Amino acid sequence: MHPLIRRSLLAAVALSAAACVTSSDIQKIQSQINELQDQVAQLKRTASSKEEVQNVNARIAEQTQTLLKSSATLVAKVDQIEERQNNAQGAVEQTNYRVDRLVQQITQQQHDLDEIRAAIARSAPPAAAGAAGAPGTAAGTAPMSEITVAPDNGEGPTTMYQAAYRDYQRGNYDLAISGFREFVSKYPKSDLADNAAYWIGESLYSQKKYHEAIQQFDSVVSSFPSSEKVPSALLKKGYAYINLGEKAQGIVQLQYVVHEHPKSPEAAKARDELKRLGVETR
């Protein structure tokens, strides 16, 4: 059998397996080959003249040429498919590499964050530790009592913080926001700065200013990454997205709380909300 004809058969089989050539294409080539074989056999049995032999040879040459063209087309298709498969495989491998790099970076960042938290816990005085541990609030519920801080005789950060928090408790959210922002501006290094920043977000959330609340909760996470207020900020950010009608984004945010802070009270609240939304969590 002609080498190129043999390759055309192999190409046809490969293309058939890849669902790129129909079975009729292969049957057509097989039919042509069978016809050539029949004509050669008939020639051996019945050929009686040189002219008849030449005619048969001419027909064989013509059909062989057609078959070779078909074979060349099939081979070209095989080459194209192989090239596309190689390109696709390369894209998949590149994507996997990028994902692996991201996972490594996230893992390293989480490790660094855990070390910072551990160092702060070891060095923080008892009063500061109590401030960091103030609990967050669930959607639609009143906040739990804020931390107790030592008085400062009517002056200084403690008085300013307590006044702003009383405004929040009374529902005077504009006054609370103003007071907490002034506190953060004047005392950015205070142990209560992260709490003040968080209650700005809570005040905006209570006013249903969800877009502004999300921005403020993001500010808490970015400005105070080691604060115990971070899980609460992330949780309320998820609630805010849901209240905005951005359910998918809210679900992603709640799942992030569960994944990054699995043992926190906020993770339990996030699981409850996800369950209410019909999303299963581990």
Protein backbone atom coordinates (compact mmCIF):
# COMPACT_ATOMS: atom_id res chain seq x y z
CA MET A 1 0.00 0.00 0.00
CA HIS A 2 1.27 3.51 -0.79
CA PRO A 3 2.86 5.08 2.34
CA LEU A 4 0.76 8.23 2.11
CA ILE A 5 -2.43 6.12 1.75
CA ARG A 6 -1.48 4.23 4.89
CA ARG A 7 -0.96 7.53 6.71
CA SER A 8 -4.34 8.76 5.51
CA LEU A 9 -5.98 5.72 7.14
CA LEU A 10 -4.18 6.41 10.40
CA ALA A 11 -5.19 10.07 10.18
CA ALA A 12 -8.78 9.10 9.59
CA VAL A 13 -8.78 6.92 12.67
CA ALA A 14 -7.22 9.67 14.79
CA LEU A 15 -9.68 12.27 13.54
CA SER A 16 -12.60 9.96 14.13
CA ALA A 17 -11.51 9.48 17.74
CA ALA A 18 -11.30 13.28 18.14
CA ALA A 19 -14.81 13.69 16.61
CA CYS A 20 -13.41 16.07 13.96
CA VAL A 21 -14.05 13.87 10.85
CA THR A 22 -17.30 12.13 10.12
CA SER A 23 -17.57 8.40 9.58
CA SER A 24 -18.63 9.07 5.97
CA ASP A 25 -15.15 10.56 5.27
CA ILE A 26 -13.46 7.38 6.41
CA GLN A 27 -15.93 5.17 4.59
CA LYS A 28 -15.35 7.11 1.39
CA ILE A 29 -11.58 6.58 1.57
CA GLN A 30 -12.01 2.92 2.45
CA SER A 31 -14.39 2.53 -0.47
CA GLN A 32 -11.85 4.06 -2.86
CA ILE A 33 -9.14 1.72 -1.61
CA ASN A 34 -11.43 -1.29 -1.97
CA GLU A 35 -12.32 -0.23 -5.50
CA LEU A 36 -8.64 0.02 -6.44
CA GLN A 37 -7.98 -3.42 -5.03
CA ASP A 38 -10.94 -4.89 -6.95
CA GLN A 39 -9.76 -3.32 -10.20
CA VAL A 40 -6.25 -4.69 -9.75
CA ALA A 41 -7.66 -8.17 -9.06
CA GLN A 42 -9.94 -7.97 -12.10
CA LEU A 43 -7.02 -6.87 -14.24
CA LYS A 44 -5.04 -9.93 -13.23
CA ARG A 45 -7.97 -12.22 -14.12
CA THR A 46 -9.36 -10.72 -17.32
CA ALA A 47 -6.86 -8.36 -18.90
CA SER A 48 -6.47 -9.45 -22.52
CA SER A 49 -4.86 -6.51 -24.23
CA LYS A 50 -2.24 -3.86 -23.62
CA GLU A 51 -4.81 -1.14 -24.28
CA GLU A 52 -7.12 -2.48 -21.58
CA VAL A 53 -4.23 -2.64 -19.13
CA GLN A 54 -3.33 0.97 -19.90
CA ASN A 55 -6.94 2.09 -19.36
CA VAL A 56 -7.11 0.33 -16.04
CA ASN A 57 -3.75 1.83 -15.03
CA ALA A 58 -5.00 5.28 -15.98
CA ARG A 59 -8.10 4.88 -13.85
CA ILE A 60 -5.98 3.59 -11.00
CA ALA A 61 -3.61 6.54 -11.29
CA GLU A 62 -6.52 9.01 -11.34
CA GLN A 63 -8.20 7.53 -8.30
CA THR A 64 -4.87 7.21 -6.51
CA GLN A 65 -4.26 10.93 -7.07
CA THR A 66 -7.66 11.76 -5.64
CA LEU A 67 -6.99 9.51 -2.69
CA LEU A 68 -3.62 11.13 -2.08
CA LYS A 69 -5.23 14.59 -2.05
CA SER A 70 -7.80 13.39 0.47
CA SER A 71 -5.01 11.91 2.53
CA ALA A 72 -3.07 15.17 2.49
CA THR A 73 -6.18 17.03 3.72
CA LEU A 74 -6.69 14.57 6.54
CA VAL A 75 -3.06 14.81 7.58
CA ALA A 76 -3.32 18.59 7.66
CA LYS A 77 -6.39 18.33 9.91
CA VAL A 78 -4.54 15.99 12.24
CA ASP A 79 -1.65 18.45 12.48
CA GLN A 80 -4.04 21.30 13.26
CA ILE A 81 -5.77 19.30 15.98
CA GLU A 82 -2.46 18.33 17.55
CA GLU A 83 -1.36 21.96 17.55
CA ARG A 84 -4.61 23.09 19.22
CA GLN A 85 -4.30 20.34 21.83
CA ASN A 86 -0.71 21.33 22.59
CA ASN A 87 -1.71 24.99 22.94
CA ALA A 88 -4.61 24.08 25.23
CA GLN A 89 -2.38 21.88 27.38
CA GLY A 90 0.14 24.69 27.65
CA ALA A 91 -2.57 27.13 28.77
CA VAL A 92 -3.79 24.67 31.42
CA GLU A 93 -0.29 24.16 32.77
CA GLN A 94 0.30 27.92 32.92
CA THR A 95 -2.98 28.44 34.79
CA ASN A 96 -2.13 25.69 37.27
CA TYR A 97 1.25 27.32 37.88
CA ARG A 98 -0.38 30.69 38.59
CA VAL A 99 -2.89 29.11 40.97
CA ASP A 100 -0.10 27.32 42.84
CA ARG A 101 1.79 30.61 43.19
CA LEU A 102 -1.30 32.37 44.55
CA VAL A 103 -1.92 29.59 47.06
CA GLN A 104 1.67 29.83 48.24
CA GLN A 105 1.40 33.61 48.63
CA ILE A 106 -1.87 33.37 50.56
CA THR A 107 -0.45 30.69 52.82
CA GLN A 108 2.62 32.79 53.55
CA GLN A 109 0.53 35.88 54.27
CA GLN A 110 -1.70 33.92 56.65
CA HIS A 111 1.39 32.56 58.41
CA ASP A 112 2.81 36.09 58.78
CA LEU A 113 -0.53 37.34 60.10
CA ASP A 114 -0.68 34.55 62.69
CA GLU A 115 2.81 35.44 63.88
CA ILE A 116 1.84 39.12 64.25
CA ARG A 117 -1.27 38.19 66.23
CA ALA A 118 0.74 35.90 68.50
CA ALA A 119 3.33 38.62 69.12
CA ILE A 120 0.64 41.18 69.96
CA ALA A 121 -1.10 38.75 72.30
CA ARG A 122 2.16 38.15 74.16
CA SER A 123 3.03 41.83 74.50
CA ALA A 124 -0.41 43.44 74.96
CA PRO A 125 -1.42 44.56 78.49
CA PRO A 126 -4.69 43.14 79.90
CA ALA A 127 -6.74 46.27 79.12
CA ALA A 128 -5.62 46.28 75.49
CA ALA A 129 -6.38 42.59 75.16
CA GLY A 130 -9.92 43.24 76.40
CA ALA A 131 -10.36 46.01 73.85
CA ALA A 132 -9.29 43.81 70.98
CA GLY A 133 -11.70 41.10 71.99
CA ALA A 134 -14.91 43.19 71.76
CA PRO A 135 -17.49 41.10 69.92
CA GLY A 136 -19.12 42.06 66.63
CA THR A 137 -22.84 42.08 65.94
CA ALA A 138 -25.05 39.95 63.73
CA ALA A 139 -27.24 41.40 60.96
CA GLY A 140 -30.31 43.15 62.29
CA THR A 141 -29.42 42.76 66.00
CA ALA A 142 -28.28 45.25 68.61
CA PRO A 143 -24.55 45.22 69.45
CA MET A 144 -23.34 43.59 72.61
CA SER A 145 -21.89 45.81 75.33
CA GLU A 146 -18.65 47.48 74.37
CA ILE A 147 -15.48 47.15 76.38
CA THR A 148 -14.95 48.94 79.67
CA VAL A 149 -12.06 51.38 79.74
CA ALA A 150 -10.55 53.39 82.54
CA PRO A 151 -11.82 57.00 82.86
CA ASP A 152 -9.50 59.89 82.09
CA ASN A 153 -11.08 62.65 84.20
CA GLY A 154 -13.07 64.08 81.29
CA GLU A 155 -10.12 64.55 78.97
CA GLY A 156 -8.23 62.44 76.50
CA PRO A 157 -9.06 59.47 74.25
CA THR A 158 -11.14 57.44 76.69
CA THR A 159 -13.74 60.16 77.19
CA MET A 160 -13.92 60.83 73.46
CA TYR A 161 -14.34 57.15 72.66
CA GLN A 162 -17.02 56.57 75.30
CA ALA A 163 -18.99 59.61 74.15
CA ALA A 164 -19.00 58.39 70.55
CA TYR A 165 -20.02 54.91 71.62
CA ARG A 166 -22.92 56.25 73.71
CA ASP A 167 -24.11 58.11 70.64
CA TYR A 168 -24.01 54.86 68.70
CA GLN A 169 -26.00 53.03 71.38
CA ARG A 170 -28.64 55.77 71.38
CA GLY A 171 -28.99 55.60 67.60
CA ASN A 172 -27.33 58.97 67.03
CA TYR A 173 -25.30 57.53 64.19
CA ASP A 174 -24.14 60.78 62.59
CA LEU A 175 -22.76 61.97 65.95
CA ALA A 176 -21.19 58.55 66.54
CA ILE A 177 -19.51 58.57 63.13
CA SER A 178 -18.18 62.09 63.73
CA GLY A 179 -16.90 61.19 67.18
CA PHE A 180 -15.23 57.94 66.14
CA ARG A 181 -13.59 59.58 63.12
CA GLU A 182 -12.22 62.34 65.28
CA PHE A 183 -10.90 59.72 67.69
CA VAL A 184 -9.12 57.77 64.93
CA SER A 185 -7.69 61.00 63.53
CA LYS A 186 -6.33 62.18 66.89
CA TYR A 187 -5.31 58.80 68.31
CA PRO A 188 -4.43 56.50 65.40
CA LYS A 189 -2.04 54.49 67.60
CA SER A 190 -4.49 53.97 70.43
CA ASP A 191 -5.51 50.45 71.43
CA LEU A 192 -9.07 51.58 70.71
CA ALA A 193 -8.41 52.91 67.20
CA ASP A 194 -9.43 49.64 65.52
CA ASN A 195 -12.65 49.52 67.56
CA ALA A 196 -13.47 53.12 66.65
CA ALA A 197 -12.90 52.43 62.97
CA TYR A 198 -15.13 49.36 63.20
CA TRP A 199 -18.01 51.25 64.87
CA ILE A 200 -17.92 53.82 62.09
CA GLY A 201 -18.75 50.94 59.75
CA GLU A 202 -21.47 49.68 62.09
CA SER A 203 -23.01 53.15 62.24
CA LEU A 204 -23.07 53.40 58.44
CA TYR A 205 -24.54 49.90 58.26
CA SER A 206 -27.30 50.87 60.72
CA GLN A 207 -28.12 53.84 58.46
CA LYS A 208 -28.40 51.39 55.53
CA LYS A 209 -25.50 53.13 53.81
CA TYR A 210 -24.19 49.78 52.73
CA HIS A 211 -21.70 50.92 50.07
CA GLU A 212 -20.03 53.29 52.55
CA ALA A 213 -20.14 50.61 55.24
CA ILE A 214 -18.33 48.15 52.96
CA GLN A 215 -15.60 50.71 52.31
CA GLN A 216 -15.22 51.34 56.03
CA PHE A 217 -15.03 47.64 56.88
CA ASP A 218 -12.37 47.27 54.19
CA SER A 219 -10.49 50.10 55.87
CA VAL A 220 -10.61 48.25 59.20
CA VAL A 221 -9.12 45.12 57.58
CA SER A 222 -6.39 47.02 55.72
CA SER A 223 -5.47 49.46 58.52
CA PHE A 224 -5.68 46.98 61.40
CA PRO A 225 -4.99 43.53 59.89
CA SER A 226 -4.14 41.97 63.28
CA SER A 227 -7.19 43.36 65.09
CA GLU A 228 -9.78 41.04 66.57
CA LYS A 229 -12.32 43.27 64.83
CA VAL A 230 -11.30 41.88 61.43
CA PRO A 231 -13.65 38.85 61.49
CA SER A 232 -16.57 41.09 62.52
CA ALA A 233 -15.73 43.59 59.77
CA LEU A 234 -15.60 40.81 57.18
CA LEU A 235 -18.88 39.36 58.42
CA LYS A 236 -20.75 42.66 58.29
CA LYS A 237 -19.28 43.32 54.86
CA GLY A 238 -20.92 40.10 53.69
CA TYR A 239 -24.24 41.17 55.24
CA ALA A 240 -23.97 44.54 53.50
CA TYR A 241 -23.51 42.91 50.08
CA ILE A 242 -26.59 40.75 50.67
CA ASN A 243 -28.64 43.79 51.70
CA LEU A 244 -27.53 45.49 48.47
CA GLY A 245 -28.93 42.55 46.50
CA GLU A 246 -25.43 41.35 45.55
CA LYS A 247 -26.08 37.86 46.86
CA ALA A 248 -23.21 36.13 45.06
CA GLN A 249 -20.66 38.61 46.40
CA GLY A 250 -22.15 38.31 49.87
CA ILE A 251 -21.91 34.52 49.79
CA VAL A 252 -18.26 34.71 48.74
CA GLN A 253 -17.55 37.10 51.60
CA LEU A 254 -19.28 34.88 54.18
CA GLN A 255 -17.43 31.82 52.90
CA TYR A 256 -14.19 33.77 53.28
CA VAL A 257 -15.02 34.39 56.96
CA VAL A 258 -15.64 30.67 57.49
CA HIS A 259 -12.43 29.73 55.70
CA GLU A 260 -10.10 32.33 57.24
CA HIS A 261 -11.55 32.43 60.78
CA PRO A 262 -13.19 29.00 61.20
CA LYS A 263 -13.22 28.97 65.02
CA SER A 264 -14.48 32.50 65.54
CA PRO A 265 -18.03 33.43 66.61
CA GLU A 266 -18.30 35.32 63.33
CA ALA A 267 -17.67 32.08 61.41
CA ALA A 268 -20.64 30.49 63.21
CA LYS A 269 -22.85 33.44 62.24
CA ALA A 270 -21.58 33.25 58.67
CA ARG A 271 -22.48 29.55 58.51
CA ASP A 272 -25.97 30.30 59.80
CA GLU A 273 -26.49 32.97 57.17
CA LEU A 274 -25.13 30.75 54.40
CA LYS A 275 -27.49 27.99 55.52
CA ARG A 276 -30.38 30.45 55.38
CA LEU A 277 -29.33 31.30 51.83
CA GLY A 278 -29.27 27.61 50.90
CA VAL A 279 -25.49 27.31 50.69
CA GLU A 280 -23.83 24.27 52.25
CA THR A 281 -20.63 24.82 54.23
CA ARG A 282 -18.15 22.46 55.81
